[in-house]
């Protein structure tokens, strides 16, 4: 088998990792009710076809059942998320839920594992360890330090917040994608929940490798978005660049907004009025700044979609 055939089989498995065939179904007699059936479960009493003598496999399955990892195992879903992220997300939002572990549960289990592993290897970082003068350890530095410590101690929520910023640009820029056109806003939320889990796994590799694997963040976003939305190389690249640009602006906006809202009482004469005015101007400027690239990307994608839908002569 040459390299081209190997890559072809790999791509087929990425699209359809589980192929169900009627020819592989065997006839079983239910040990519970005696009904003869074909498939994995008895249609009369719902008992599994392999439920017979208790074996070590049954013991392991019973332990996994406690954590909800029976038919849709967490390790298998994480493995799919690493080697076919876009296809897995596409399967889930397309209705194929049985091949995937519950994404919200998966996110918080992976976040818990991340915290435990970070405690074991001792990779936690605190802003208090940085060499900063004492006069800078007051006021706004305390606010930034508090936010940073929250991000470190709550990686699941933190990663969800950071990836959820991608919902808006993804929803607009990839609105007319060939593979999944007109995705709803809730579907985009679940896309970013999957990406939160994936980015936690990537974040762990980055911390362990001391930043060497930082390139995995844009790489996995590119692989996932290309598999999920179906655009070619350059079409995916420039749209993803627009999404990252808008993401950086929105992330910076949230950081500055926290500082504006947390203005100290003794800094200005009317802190409430100054806070409202500052937040309004910041929000207005950010909205104008992100509206330009999002509008351009939206109209280009819309025009491309109309051209793609035109019948060829």
C-alpha atoms as a PDB file:
ATOM      1  CA  UNK A   1       0.000   0.000   0.000  1.00  0.00           C
ATOM      2  CA  UNK A   2       1.493   3.325  -1.072  1.00  0.00           C
ATOM      3  CA  UNK A   3       1.305   6.641   0.765  1.00  0.00           C
ATOM      4  CA  UNK A   4      -1.624   7.919  -1.316  1.00  0.00           C
ATOM      5  CA  UNK A   5      -3.769   4.879  -0.461  1.00  0.00           C
ATOM      6  CA  UNK A   6      -2.830   5.154   3.213  1.00  0.00           C
ATOM      7  CA  UNK A   7      -3.866   8.818   3.344  1.00  0.00           C
ATOM      8  CA  UNK A   8      -7.065   7.943   1.492  1.00  0.00           C
ATOM      9  CA  UNK A   9      -8.022   5.315   4.078  1.00  0.00           C
ATOM     10  CA  UNK A  10      -7.123   7.718   6.875  1.00  0.00           C
ATOM     11  CA  UNK A  11      -9.461  10.369   5.451  1.00  0.00           C
ATOM     12  CA  UNK A  12     -12.250   7.815   5.081  1.00  0.00           C
ATOM     13  CA  UNK A  13     -11.862   6.853   8.743  1.00  0.00           C
ATOM     14  CA  UNK A  14     -11.884  10.540   9.696  1.00  0.00           C
ATOM     15  CA  UNK A  15     -15.240  10.989   7.988  1.00  0.00           C
ATOM     16  CA  UNK A  16     -16.796   7.694   9.122  1.00  0.00           C
ATOM     17  CA  UNK A  17     -14.909   6.152  12.063  1.00  0.00           C
ATOM     18  CA  UNK A  18     -17.729   3.720  12.819  1.00  0.00           C
ATOM     19  CA  UNK A  19     -19.287   1.846   9.921  1.00  0.00           C
ATOM     20  CA  UNK A  20     -22.345  -0.248  10.732  1.00  0.00           C
ATOM     21  CA  UNK A  21     -23.065  -3.205   8.455  1.00  0.00           C
ATOM     22  CA  UNK A  22     -26.059  -5.530   8.546  1.00  0.00           C
ATOM     23  CA  UNK A  23     -23.824  -8.370   7.430  1.00  0.00           C
ATOM     24  CA  UNK A  24     -21.926  -8.217  10.722  1.00  0.00           C
ATOM     25  CA  UNK A  25     -25.084  -8.652  12.814  1.00  0.00           C
ATOM     26  CA  UNK A  26     -25.444 -12.057  14.416  1.00  0.00           C
ATOM     27  CA  UNK A  27     -28.480 -13.825  15.776  1.00  0.00           C
ATOM     28  CA  UNK A  28     -28.738 -13.883  19.572  1.00  0.00           C
ATOM     29  CA  UNK A  29     -31.055 -15.415  22.127  1.00  0.00           C
ATOM     30  CA  UNK A  30     -31.777 -13.070  25.003  1.00  0.00           C
ATOM     31  CA  UNK A  31     -30.671 -14.688  28.295  1.00  0.00           C
ATOM     32  CA  UNK A  32     -33.340 -12.674  30.111  1.00  0.00           C
ATOM     33  CA  UNK A  33     -36.588 -13.249  28.146  1.00  0.00           C
ATOM     34  CA  UNK A  34     -35.498 -15.865  25.603  1.00  0.00           C
ATOM     35  CA  UNK A  35     -36.407 -13.748  22.538  1.00  0.00           C
ATOM     36  CA  UNK A  36     -34.318 -14.390  19.429  1.00  0.00           C
ATOM     37  CA  UNK A  37     -33.093 -11.163  17.822  1.00  0.00           C
ATOM     38  CA  UNK A  38     -30.360  -9.613  15.686  1.00  0.00           C
ATOM     39  CA  UNK A  39     -28.410  -6.622  16.902  1.00  0.00           C
ATOM     40  CA  UNK A  40     -26.853  -5.406  20.118  1.00  0.00           C
ATOM     41  CA  UNK A  41     -29.966  -5.146  22.308  1.00  0.00           C
ATOM     42  CA  UNK A  42     -33.114  -7.218  22.760  1.00  0.00           C
ATOM     43  CA  UNK A  43     -36.162  -5.354  21.366  1.00  0.00           C
ATOM     44  CA  UNK A  44     -38.412  -6.901  24.050  1.00  0.00           C
ATOM     45  CA  UNK A  45     -36.570  -6.258  27.317  1.00  0.00           C
ATOM     46  CA  UNK A  46     -33.620  -4.116  26.131  1.00  0.00           C
ATOM     47  CA  UNK A  47     -30.969  -6.412  27.597  1.00  0.00           C
ATOM     48  CA  UNK A  48     -27.630  -6.402  25.816  1.00  0.00           C
ATOM     49  CA  UNK A  49     -26.662  -9.225  23.496  1.00  0.00           C
ATOM     50  CA  UNK A  50     -23.415  -9.876  25.348  1.00  0.00           C
ATOM     51  CA  UNK A  51     -24.937  -9.845  28.844  1.00  0.00           C
ATOM     52  CA  UNK A  52     -24.175 -13.361  30.021  1.00  0.00           C
ATOM     53  CA  UNK A  53     -21.464 -14.581  32.352  1.00  0.00           C
ATOM     54  CA  UNK A  54     -19.731 -11.944  34.461  1.00  0.00           C
ATOM     55  CA  UNK A  55     -16.196 -11.393  33.173  1.00  0.00           C
ATOM     56  CA  UNK A  56     -13.413  -8.884  33.821  1.00  0.00           C
ATOM     57  CA  UNK A  57     -14.729  -6.894  30.876  1.00  0.00           C
ATOM     58  CA  UNK A  58     -18.121  -6.723  32.611  1.00  0.00           C
ATOM     59  CA  UNK A  59     -16.448  -5.508  35.817  1.00  0.00           C
ATOM     60  CA  UNK A  60     -14.671  -2.731  33.938  1.00  0.00           C
ATOM     61  CA  UNK A  61     -17.860  -1.775  32.093  1.00  0.00           C
ATOM     62  CA  UNK A  62     -19.769  -1.574  35.383  1.00  0.00           C
ATOM     63  CA  UNK A  63     -17.144   0.785  36.823  1.00  0.00           C
ATOM     64  CA  UNK A  64     -17.319   2.990  33.719  1.00  0.00           C
ATOM     65  CA  UNK A  65     -21.131   3.020  33.935  1.00  0.00           C
ATOM     66  CA  UNK A  66     -20.867   4.884  37.252  1.00  0.00           C
ATOM     67  CA  UNK A  67     -19.154   7.771  35.427  1.00  0.00           C
ATOM     68  CA  UNK A  68     -21.485   7.621  32.442  1.00  0.00           C
ATOM     69  CA  UNK A  69     -18.797   6.208  30.141  1.00  0.00           C
ATOM     70  CA  UNK A  70     -20.547   3.067  28.970  1.00  0.00           C
ATOM     71  CA  UNK A  71     -21.451   3.237  25.277  1.00  0.00           C
ATOM     72  CA  UNK A  72     -19.958   6.678  24.525  1.00  0.00           C
ATOM     73  CA  UNK A  73     -16.644   6.459  26.339  1.00  0.00           C
ATOM     74  CA  UNK A  74     -14.761   9.593  27.284  1.00  0.00           C
ATOM     75  CA  UNK A  75     -11.339   8.280  26.131  1.00  0.00           C
ATOM     76  CA  UNK A  76     -12.769   7.340  22.726  1.00  0.00           C
ATOM     77  CA  UNK A  77     -14.385  10.781  22.320  1.00  0.00           C
ATOM     78  CA  UNK A  78     -11.153  12.541  23.297  1.00  0.00           C
ATOM     79  CA  UNK A  79      -9.260  10.408  20.806  1.00  0.00           C
ATOM     80  CA  UNK A  80     -11.735  11.362  18.075  1.00  0.00           C
ATOM     81  CA  UNK A  81     -11.447  15.008  19.124  1.00  0.00           C
ATOM     82  CA  UNK A  82      -7.681  14.845  18.587  1.00  0.00           C
ATOM     83  CA  UNK A  83      -7.577  13.125  15.178  1.00  0.00           C
ATOM     84  CA  UNK A  84     -10.900  14.166  13.604  1.00  0.00           C
ATOM     85  CA  UNK A  85     -12.118  17.242  15.556  1.00  0.00           C
ATOM     86  CA  UNK A  86     -14.172  18.889  12.822  1.00  0.00           C
ATOM     87  CA  UNK A  87     -15.826  15.667  11.709  1.00  0.00           C
ATOM     88  CA  UNK A  88     -16.705  14.744  15.301  1.00  0.00           C
ATOM     89  CA  UNK A  89     -18.297  18.141  15.949  1.00  0.00           C
ATOM     90  CA  UNK A  90     -20.100  17.930  12.626  1.00  0.00           C
ATOM     91  CA  UNK A  91     -21.465  14.486  13.537  1.00  0.00           C
ATOM     92  CA  UNK A  92     -22.700  15.765  16.889  1.00  0.00           C
ATOM     93  CA  UNK A  93     -24.491  18.867  15.642  1.00  0.00           C
ATOM     94  CA  UNK A  94     -25.820  16.794  12.740  1.00  0.00           C
ATOM     95  CA  UNK A  95     -27.662  14.479  15.131  1.00  0.00           C
ATOM     96  CA  UNK A  96     -25.191  11.593  15.565  1.00  0.00           C
ATOM     97  CA  UNK A  97     -25.071  11.794  19.356  1.00  0.00           C
ATOM     98  CA  UNK A  98     -24.405   8.124  20.144  1.00  0.00           C
ATOM     99  CA  UNK A  99     -20.775   8.224  18.988  1.00  0.00           C
ATOM    100  CA  UNK A 100     -19.882  11.078  21.339  1.00  0.00           C
ATOM    101  CA  UNK A 101     -19.594  11.579  25.079  1.00  0.00           C
ATOM    102  CA  UNK A 102     -21.693  14.449  26.447  1.00  0.00           C
ATOM    103  CA  UNK A 103     -19.621  17.556  25.566  1.00  0.00           C
ATOM    104  CA  UNK A 104     -20.431  19.639  28.664  1.00  0.00           C
ATOM    105  CA  UNK A 105     -19.663  16.729  31.014  1.00  0.00           C
ATOM    106  CA  UNK A 106     -16.494  16.025  29.042  1.00  0.00           C
ATOM    107  CA  UNK A 107     -15.318  19.619  29.413  1.00  0.00           C
ATOM    108  CA  UNK A 108     -15.584  19.652  33.198  1.00  0.00           C
ATOM    109  CA  UNK A 109     -14.062  16.173  33.607  1.00  0.00           C
ATOM    110  CA  UNK A 110     -11.096  17.209  31.454  1.00  0.00           C
ATOM    111  CA  UNK A 111     -10.836  20.484  33.412  1.00  0.00           C
ATOM    112  CA  UNK A 112     -10.739  18.536  36.696  1.00  0.00           C
ATOM    113  CA  UNK A 113      -8.070  16.224  35.302  1.00  0.00           C
ATOM    114  CA  UNK A 114      -6.114  19.284  34.128  1.00  0.00           C
ATOM    115  CA  UNK A 115      -6.112  20.791  37.627  1.00  0.00           C
ATOM    116  CA  UNK A 116      -5.015  17.496  39.196  1.00  0.00           C
ATOM    117  CA  UNK A 117      -2.214  16.988  36.687  1.00  0.00           C
ATOM    118  CA  UNK A 118      -0.997  20.558  37.139  1.00  0.00           C
ATOM    119  CA  UNK A 119      -0.857  19.996  40.897  1.00  0.00           C
ATOM    120  CA  UNK A 120       1.101  16.771  40.396  1.00  0.00           C
ATOM    121  CA  UNK A 121       3.732  18.201  38.057  1.00  0.00           C
ATOM    122  CA  UNK A 122       3.850  21.547  39.901  1.00  0.00           C
ATOM    123  CA  UNK A 123       3.310  23.841  36.941  1.00  0.00           C
ATOM    124  CA  UNK A 124       1.079  26.441  38.630  1.00  0.00           C
ATOM    125  CA  UNK A 125       2.188  30.047  38.060  1.00  0.00           C
ATOM    126  CA  UNK A 126       1.258  33.028  40.191  1.00  0.00           C
ATOM    127  CA  UNK A 127       1.559  36.713  39.369  1.00  0.00           C
ATOM    128  CA  UNK A 128       2.975  37.229  42.851  1.00  0.00           C
ATOM    129  CA  UNK A 129       6.104  35.357  41.714  1.00  0.00           C
ATOM    130  CA  UNK A 130       6.861  38.007  39.099  1.00  0.00           C
ATOM    131  CA  UNK A 131       9.410  40.731  39.857  1.00  0.00           C
ATOM    132  CA  UNK A 132       7.169  43.791  40.130  1.00  0.00           C
ATOM    133  CA  UNK A 133       7.740  46.815  42.331  1.00  0.00           C
ATOM    134  CA  UNK A 134       5.629  47.118  45.502  1.00  0.00           C
ATOM    135  CA  UNK A 135       3.813  50.255  44.344  1.00  0.00           C
ATOM    136  CA  UNK A 136       2.538  48.297  41.333  1.00  0.00           C
ATOM    137  CA  UNK A 137       0.995  45.634  43.598  1.00  0.00           C
ATOM    138  CA  UNK A 138      -1.977  47.883  44.372  1.00  0.00           C
ATOM    139  CA  UNK A 139      -5.012  49.066  42.486  1.00  0.00           C
ATOM    140  CA  UNK A 140      -5.284  47.683  38.994  1.00  0.00           C
ATOM    141  CA  UNK A 141      -2.580  45.077  39.521  1.00  0.00           C
ATOM    142  CA  UNK A 142      -4.713  43.480  42.246  1.00  0.00           C
ATOM    143  CA  UNK A 143      -7.631  43.297  39.825  1.00  0.00           C
ATOM    144  CA  UNK A 144      -5.493  41.689  37.112  1.00  0.00           C
ATOM    145  CA  UNK A 145      -3.926  39.322  39.646  1.00  0.00           C
ATOM    146  CA  UNK A 146      -7.356  38.263  40.938  1.00  0.00           C
ATOM    147  CA  UNK A 147      -8.614  37.593  37.404  1.00  0.00           C
ATOM    148  CA  UNK A 148      -5.467  35.661  36.543  1.00  0.00           C
ATOM    149  CA  UNK A 149      -5.700  33.493  39.658  1.00  0.00           C
ATOM    150  CA  UNK A 150      -9.322  32.723  38.815  1.00  0.00           C
ATOM    151  CA  UNK A 151      -8.301  31.659  35.304  1.00  0.00           C
ATOM    152  CA  UNK A 152      -5.607  29.366  36.706  1.00  0.00           C
ATOM    153  CA  UNK A 153      -7.761  27.770  39.417  1.00  0.00           C
ATOM    154  CA  UNK A 154     -10.844  27.349  37.190  1.00  0.00           C
ATOM    155  CA  UNK A 155      -9.419  26.135  33.865  1.00  0.00           C
ATOM    156  CA  UNK A 156     -12.725  24.669  32.672  1.00  0.00           C
ATOM    157  CA  UNK A 157     -14.665  27.911  33.071  1.00  0.00           C
ATOM    158  CA  UNK A 158     -11.676  29.963  31.927  1.00  0.00           C
ATOM    159  CA  UNK A 159     -11.223  27.990  28.715  1.00  0.00           C
ATOM    160  CA  UNK A 160     -14.957  28.148  28.092  1.00  0.00           C
ATOM    161  CA  UNK A 161     -14.921  31.944  28.493  1.00  0.00           C
ATOM    162  CA  UNK A 162     -11.929  32.315  26.165  1.00  0.00           C
ATOM    163  CA  UNK A 163     -13.328  30.041  23.467  1.00  0.00           C
ATOM    164  CA  UNK A 164     -16.863  31.415  23.769  1.00  0.00           C
ATOM    165  CA  UNK A 165     -15.496  34.709  22.463  1.00  0.00           C
ATOM    166  CA  UNK A 166     -15.100  32.842  19.151  1.00  0.00           C
ATOM    167  CA  UNK A 167     -18.870  32.224  18.903  1.00  0.00           C
ATOM    168  CA  UNK A 168     -19.697  35.588  17.339  1.00  0.00           C
ATOM    169  CA  UNK A 169     -16.947  35.685  14.682  1.00  0.00           C
ATOM    170  CA  UNK A 170     -17.482  32.012  13.826  1.00  0.00           C
ATOM    171  CA  UNK A 171     -21.233  32.526  13.554  1.00  0.00           C
ATOM    172  CA  UNK A 172     -20.807  35.452  11.125  1.00  0.00           C
ATOM    173  CA  UNK A 173     -17.678  34.572   9.153  1.00  0.00           C
ATOM    174  CA  UNK A 174     -18.591  30.907   8.544  1.00  0.00           C
ATOM    175  CA  UNK A 175     -22.292  31.637   8.116  1.00  0.00           C
ATOM    176  CA  UNK A 176     -22.481  30.276   4.547  1.00  0.00           C
ATOM    177  CA  UNK A 177     -20.039  27.373   4.790  1.00  0.00           C
ATOM    178  CA  UNK A 178     -20.426  24.600   2.195  1.00  0.00           C
ATOM    179  CA  UNK A 179     -20.673  21.736   4.680  1.00  0.00           C
ATOM    180  CA  UNK A 180     -22.839  23.274   7.424  1.00  0.00           C
ATOM    181  CA  UNK A 181     -24.581  26.420   6.118  1.00  0.00           C
ATOM    182  CA  UNK A 182     -26.752  28.512   8.412  1.00  0.00           C
ATOM    183  CA  UNK A 183     -25.635  27.024  11.714  1.00  0.00           C
ATOM    184  CA  UNK A 184     -27.738  28.302  14.588  1.00  0.00           C
ATOM    185  CA  UNK A 185     -26.282  30.210  17.518  1.00  0.00           C
ATOM    186  CA  UNK A 186     -26.826  27.296  19.978  1.00  0.00           C
ATOM    187  CA  UNK A 187     -24.970  25.002  17.580  1.00  0.00           C
ATOM    188  CA  UNK A 188     -22.072  27.467  17.559  1.00  0.00           C
ATOM    189  CA  UNK A 189     -22.084  27.356  21.358  1.00  0.00           C
ATOM    190  CA  UNK A 190     -21.583  23.588  21.297  1.00  0.00           C
ATOM    191  CA  UNK A 191     -18.840  23.963  18.696  1.00  0.00           C
ATOM    192  CA  UNK A 192     -16.901  26.120  21.141  1.00  0.00           C
ATOM    193  CA  UNK A 193     -17.621  23.736  24.031  1.00  0.00           C
ATOM    194  CA  UNK A 194     -15.847  21.032  22.038  1.00  0.00           C
ATOM    195  CA  UNK A 195     -13.044  23.480  21.263  1.00  0.00           C
ATOM    196  CA  UNK A 196     -12.751  24.325  24.971  1.00  0.00           C
ATOM    197  CA  UNK A 197     -12.069  20.662  25.744  1.00  0.00           C
ATOM    198  CA  UNK A 198      -9.604  20.383  22.891  1.00  0.00           C
ATOM    199  CA  UNK A 199      -7.780  23.554  23.939  1.00  0.00           C
ATOM    200  CA  UNK A 200      -7.481  22.241  27.518  1.00  0.00           C
ATOM    201  CA  UNK A 201      -5.720  19.149  26.189  1.00  0.00           C
ATOM    202  CA  UNK A 202      -3.497  21.359  24.033  1.00  0.00           C
ATOM    203  CA  UNK A 203      -2.844  23.686  27.006  1.00  0.00           C
ATOM    204  CA  UNK A 204      -1.594  20.718  29.023  1.00  0.00           C
ATOM    205  CA  UNK A 205       0.877  19.763  26.303  1.00  0.00           C
ATOM    206  CA  UNK A 206       2.029  23.397  26.099  1.00  0.00           C
ATOM    207  CA  UNK A 207       2.657  23.569  29.864  1.00  0.00           C
ATOM    208  CA  UNK A 208       4.510  20.243  29.886  1.00  0.00           C
ATOM    209  CA  UNK A 209       6.651  21.140  26.851  1.00  0.00           C
ATOM    210  CA  UNK A 210       7.405  24.651  28.197  1.00  0.00           C
ATOM    211  CA  UNK A 211       5.659  26.315  25.280  1.00  0.00           C
ATOM    212  CA  UNK A 212       7.207  24.297  22.448  1.00  0.00           C
ATOM    213  CA  UNK A 213       3.803  23.017  21.279  1.00  0.00           C
ATOM    214  CA  UNK A 214       2.163  26.464  21.217  1.00  0.00           C
ATOM    215  CA  UNK A 215       1.695  26.052  17.439  1.00  0.00           C
ATOM    216  CA  UNK A 216      -0.961  23.396  18.152  1.00  0.00           C
ATOM    217  CA  UNK A 217      -3.554  26.082  19.004  1.00  0.00           C
ATOM    218  CA  UNK A 218      -3.831  27.655  15.514  1.00  0.00           C
ATOM    219  CA  UNK A 219      -3.144  24.277  13.890  1.00  0.00           C
ATOM    220  CA  UNK A 220      -6.048  22.536  15.608  1.00  0.00           C
ATOM    221  CA  UNK A 221      -8.360  25.459  14.953  1.00  0.00           C
ATOM    222  CA  UNK A 222      -7.473  25.265  11.256  1.00  0.00           C
ATOM    223  CA  UNK A 223      -7.930  21.474  11.097  1.00  0.00           C
ATOM    224  CA  UNK A 224     -11.211  21.618  12.996  1.00  0.00           C
ATOM    225  CA  UNK A 225     -12.721  24.482  11.015  1.00  0.00           C
ATOM    226  CA  UNK A 226     -11.657  23.045   7.657  1.00  0.00           C
ATOM    227  CA  UNK A 227     -13.143  19.635   8.476  1.00  0.00           C
ATOM    228  CA  UNK A 228     -16.278  21.130   9.972  1.00  0.00           C
ATOM    229  CA  UNK A 229     -17.128  23.835   7.429  1.00  0.00           C
ATOM    230  CA  UNK A 230     -15.641  22.366   4.248  1.00  0.00           C
ATOM    231  CA  UNK A 231     -13.734  25.362   2.888  1.00  0.00           C
ATOM    232  CA  UNK A 232     -10.428  24.914   1.055  1.00  0.00           C
ATOM    233  CA  UNK A 233      -7.018  25.984   2.389  1.00  0.00           C
ATOM    234  CA  UNK A 234      -6.986  29.727   1.649  1.00  0.00           C
ATOM    235  CA  UNK A 235     -10.713  30.171   2.252  1.00  0.00           C
ATOM    236  CA  UNK A 236     -10.364  28.576   5.694  1.00  0.00           C
ATOM    237  CA  UNK A 237      -7.131  30.439   6.488  1.00  0.00           C
ATOM    238  CA  UNK A 238      -8.315  33.994   5.850  1.00  0.00           C
ATOM    239  CA  UNK A 239     -11.662  33.422   7.562  1.00  0.00           C
ATOM    240  CA  UNK A 240      -9.917  31.963  10.592  1.00  0.00           C
ATOM    241  CA  UNK A 241      -7.516  34.930  10.615  1.00  0.00           C
ATOM    242  CA  UNK A 242     -10.528  37.281  10.765  1.00  0.00           C
ATOM    243  CA  UNK A 243     -11.963  35.235  13.646  1.00  0.00           C
ATOM    244  CA  UNK A 244      -8.691  35.427  15.603  1.00  0.00           C
ATOM    245  CA  UNK A 245      -8.439  39.165  14.946  1.00  0.00           C
ATOM    246  CA  UNK A 246     -11.952  39.758  16.281  1.00  0.00           C
ATOM    247  CA  UNK A 247     -11.257  37.380  19.177  1.00  0.00           C
ATOM    248  CA  UNK A 248      -8.186  39.374  20.232  1.00  0.00           C
ATOM    249  CA  UNK A 249     -10.146  42.634  20.137  1.00  0.00           C
ATOM    250  CA  UNK A 250     -13.023  41.194  22.181  1.00  0.00           C
ATOM    251  CA  UNK A 251     -10.638  39.622  24.694  1.00  0.00           C
ATOM    252  CA  UNK A 252      -8.822  42.938  25.119  1.00  0.00           C
ATOM    253  CA  UNK A 253     -12.204  44.658  25.442  1.00  0.00           C
ATOM    254  CA  UNK A 254     -13.228  42.364  28.316  1.00  0.00           C
ATOM    255  CA  UNK A 255      -9.945  42.951  30.149  1.00  0.00           C
ATOM    256  CA  UNK A 256     -10.171  46.747  29.829  1.00  0.00           C
ATOM    257  CA  UNK A 257     -13.882  46.668  30.723  1.00  0.00           C
ATOM    258  CA  UNK A 258     -13.074  44.903  33.995  1.00  0.00           C
ATOM    259  CA  UNK A 259     -10.539  47.614  34.805  1.00  0.00           C
ATOM    260  CA  UNK A 260     -12.987  50.385  33.873  1.00  0.00           C
ATOM    261  CA  UNK A 261     -15.825  48.961  35.964  1.00  0.00           C
ATOM    262  CA  UNK A 262     -13.473  48.355  38.883  1.00  0.00           C
ATOM    263  CA  UNK A 263     -12.350  52.009  39.042  1.00  0.00           C
ATOM    264  CA  UNK A 264     -11.483  53.067  42.594  1.00  0.00           C
ATOM    265  CA  UNK A 265     -13.690  55.457  44.496  1.00  0.00           C
ATOM    266  CA  UNK A 266     -10.977  58.017  45.231  1.00  0.00           C
ATOM    267  CA  UNK A 267      -9.669  58.386  41.684  1.00  0.00           C
ATOM    268  CA  UNK A 268     -12.412  60.626  40.264  1.00  0.00           C
ATOM    269  CA  UNK A 269     -15.077  62.934  41.633  1.00  0.00           C
ATOM    270  CA  UNK A 270     -18.022  60.944  40.260  1.00  0.00           C
ATOM    271  CA  UNK A 271     -16.866  57.312  39.894  1.00  0.00           C
ATOM    272  CA  UNK A 272     -20.274  55.929  38.826  1.00  0.00           C
ATOM    273  CA  UNK A 273     -20.697  58.426  36.011  1.00  0.00           C
ATOM    274  CA  UNK A 274     -17.083  58.013  34.908  1.00  0.00           C
ATOM    275  CA  UNK A 275     -17.465  54.222  34.894  1.00  0.00           C
ATOM    276  CA  UNK A 276     -20.656  54.293  32.804  1.00  0.00           C
ATOM    277  CA  UNK A 277     -19.175  56.796  30.337  1.00  0.00           C
ATOM    278  CA  UNK A 278     -15.909  54.853  30.031  1.00  0.00           C
ATOM    279  CA  UNK A 279     -17.705  51.523  29.539  1.00  0.00           C
ATOM    280  CA  UNK A 280     -20.005  53.045  26.903  1.00  0.00           C
ATOM    281  CA  UNK A 281     -17.179  54.601  24.892  1.00  0.00           C
ATOM    282  CA  UNK A 282     -15.133  51.415  25.127  1.00  0.00           C
ATOM    283  CA  UNK A 283     -18.081  49.305  23.959  1.00  0.00           C
ATOM    284  CA  UNK A 284     -18.863  51.695  21.091  1.00  0.00           C
ATOM    285  CA  UNK A 285     -15.265  51.750  19.880  1.00  0.00           C
ATOM    286  CA  UNK A 286     -14.969  47.965  20.072  1.00  0.00           C
ATOM    287  CA  UNK A 287     -18.253  47.475  18.186  1.00  0.00           C
ATOM    288  CA  UNK A 288     -17.092  49.745  15.357  1.00  0.00           C
ATOM    289  CA  UNK A 289     -13.674  48.061  15.235  1.00  0.00           C
ATOM    290  CA  UNK A 290     -15.037  44.521  14.908  1.00  0.00           C
ATOM    291  CA  UNK A 291     -17.976  45.445  12.665  1.00  0.00           C
ATOM    292  CA  UNK A 292     -15.708  46.295   9.708  1.00  0.00           C
ATOM    293  CA  UNK A 293     -13.871  42.944   9.290  1.00  0.00           C
ATOM    294  CA  UNK A 294     -16.968  40.914  10.195  1.00  0.00           C
ATOM    295  CA  UNK A 295     -19.088  42.760   7.617  1.00  0.00           C
ATOM    296  CA  UNK A 296     -16.488  42.301   4.877  1.00  0.00           C
ATOM    297  CA  UNK A 297     -16.112  38.590   5.665  1.00  0.00           C
ATOM    298  CA  UNK A 298     -19.888  38.134   5.823  1.00  0.00           C
ATOM    299  CA  UNK A 299     -20.574  39.684   2.420  1.00  0.00           C
ATOM    300  CA  UNK A 300     -17.680  37.838   0.760  1.00  0.00           C
ATOM    301  CA  UNK A 301     -18.934  34.525   2.175  1.00  0.00           C
ATOM    302  CA  UNK A 302     -22.481  35.308   1.107  1.00  0.00           C
ATOM    303  CA  UNK A 303     -21.435  36.202  -2.423  1.00  0.00           C
ATOM    304  CA  UNK A 304     -19.296  33.067  -2.659  1.00  0.00           C
ATOM    305  CA  UNK A 305     -22.207  30.926  -1.457  1.00  0.00           C
ATOM    306  CA  UNK A 306     -24.551  32.376  -4.101  1.00  0.00           C
ATOM    307  CA  UNK A 307     -21.965  31.735  -6.789  1.00  0.00           C
ATOM    308  CA  UNK A 308     -21.565  28.170  -5.538  1.00  0.00           C
ATOM    309  CA  UNK A 309     -25.321  27.578  -5.700  1.00  0.00           C
ATOM    310  CA  UNK A 310     -25.612  28.738  -9.308  1.00  0.00           C
ATOM    311  CA  UNK A 311     -26.028  25.792 -11.711  1.00  0.00           C
ATOM    312  CA  UNK A 312     -23.107  25.154 -14.005  1.00  0.00           C
ATOM    313  CA  UNK A 313     -23.740  25.037 -17.722  1.00  0.00           C
END
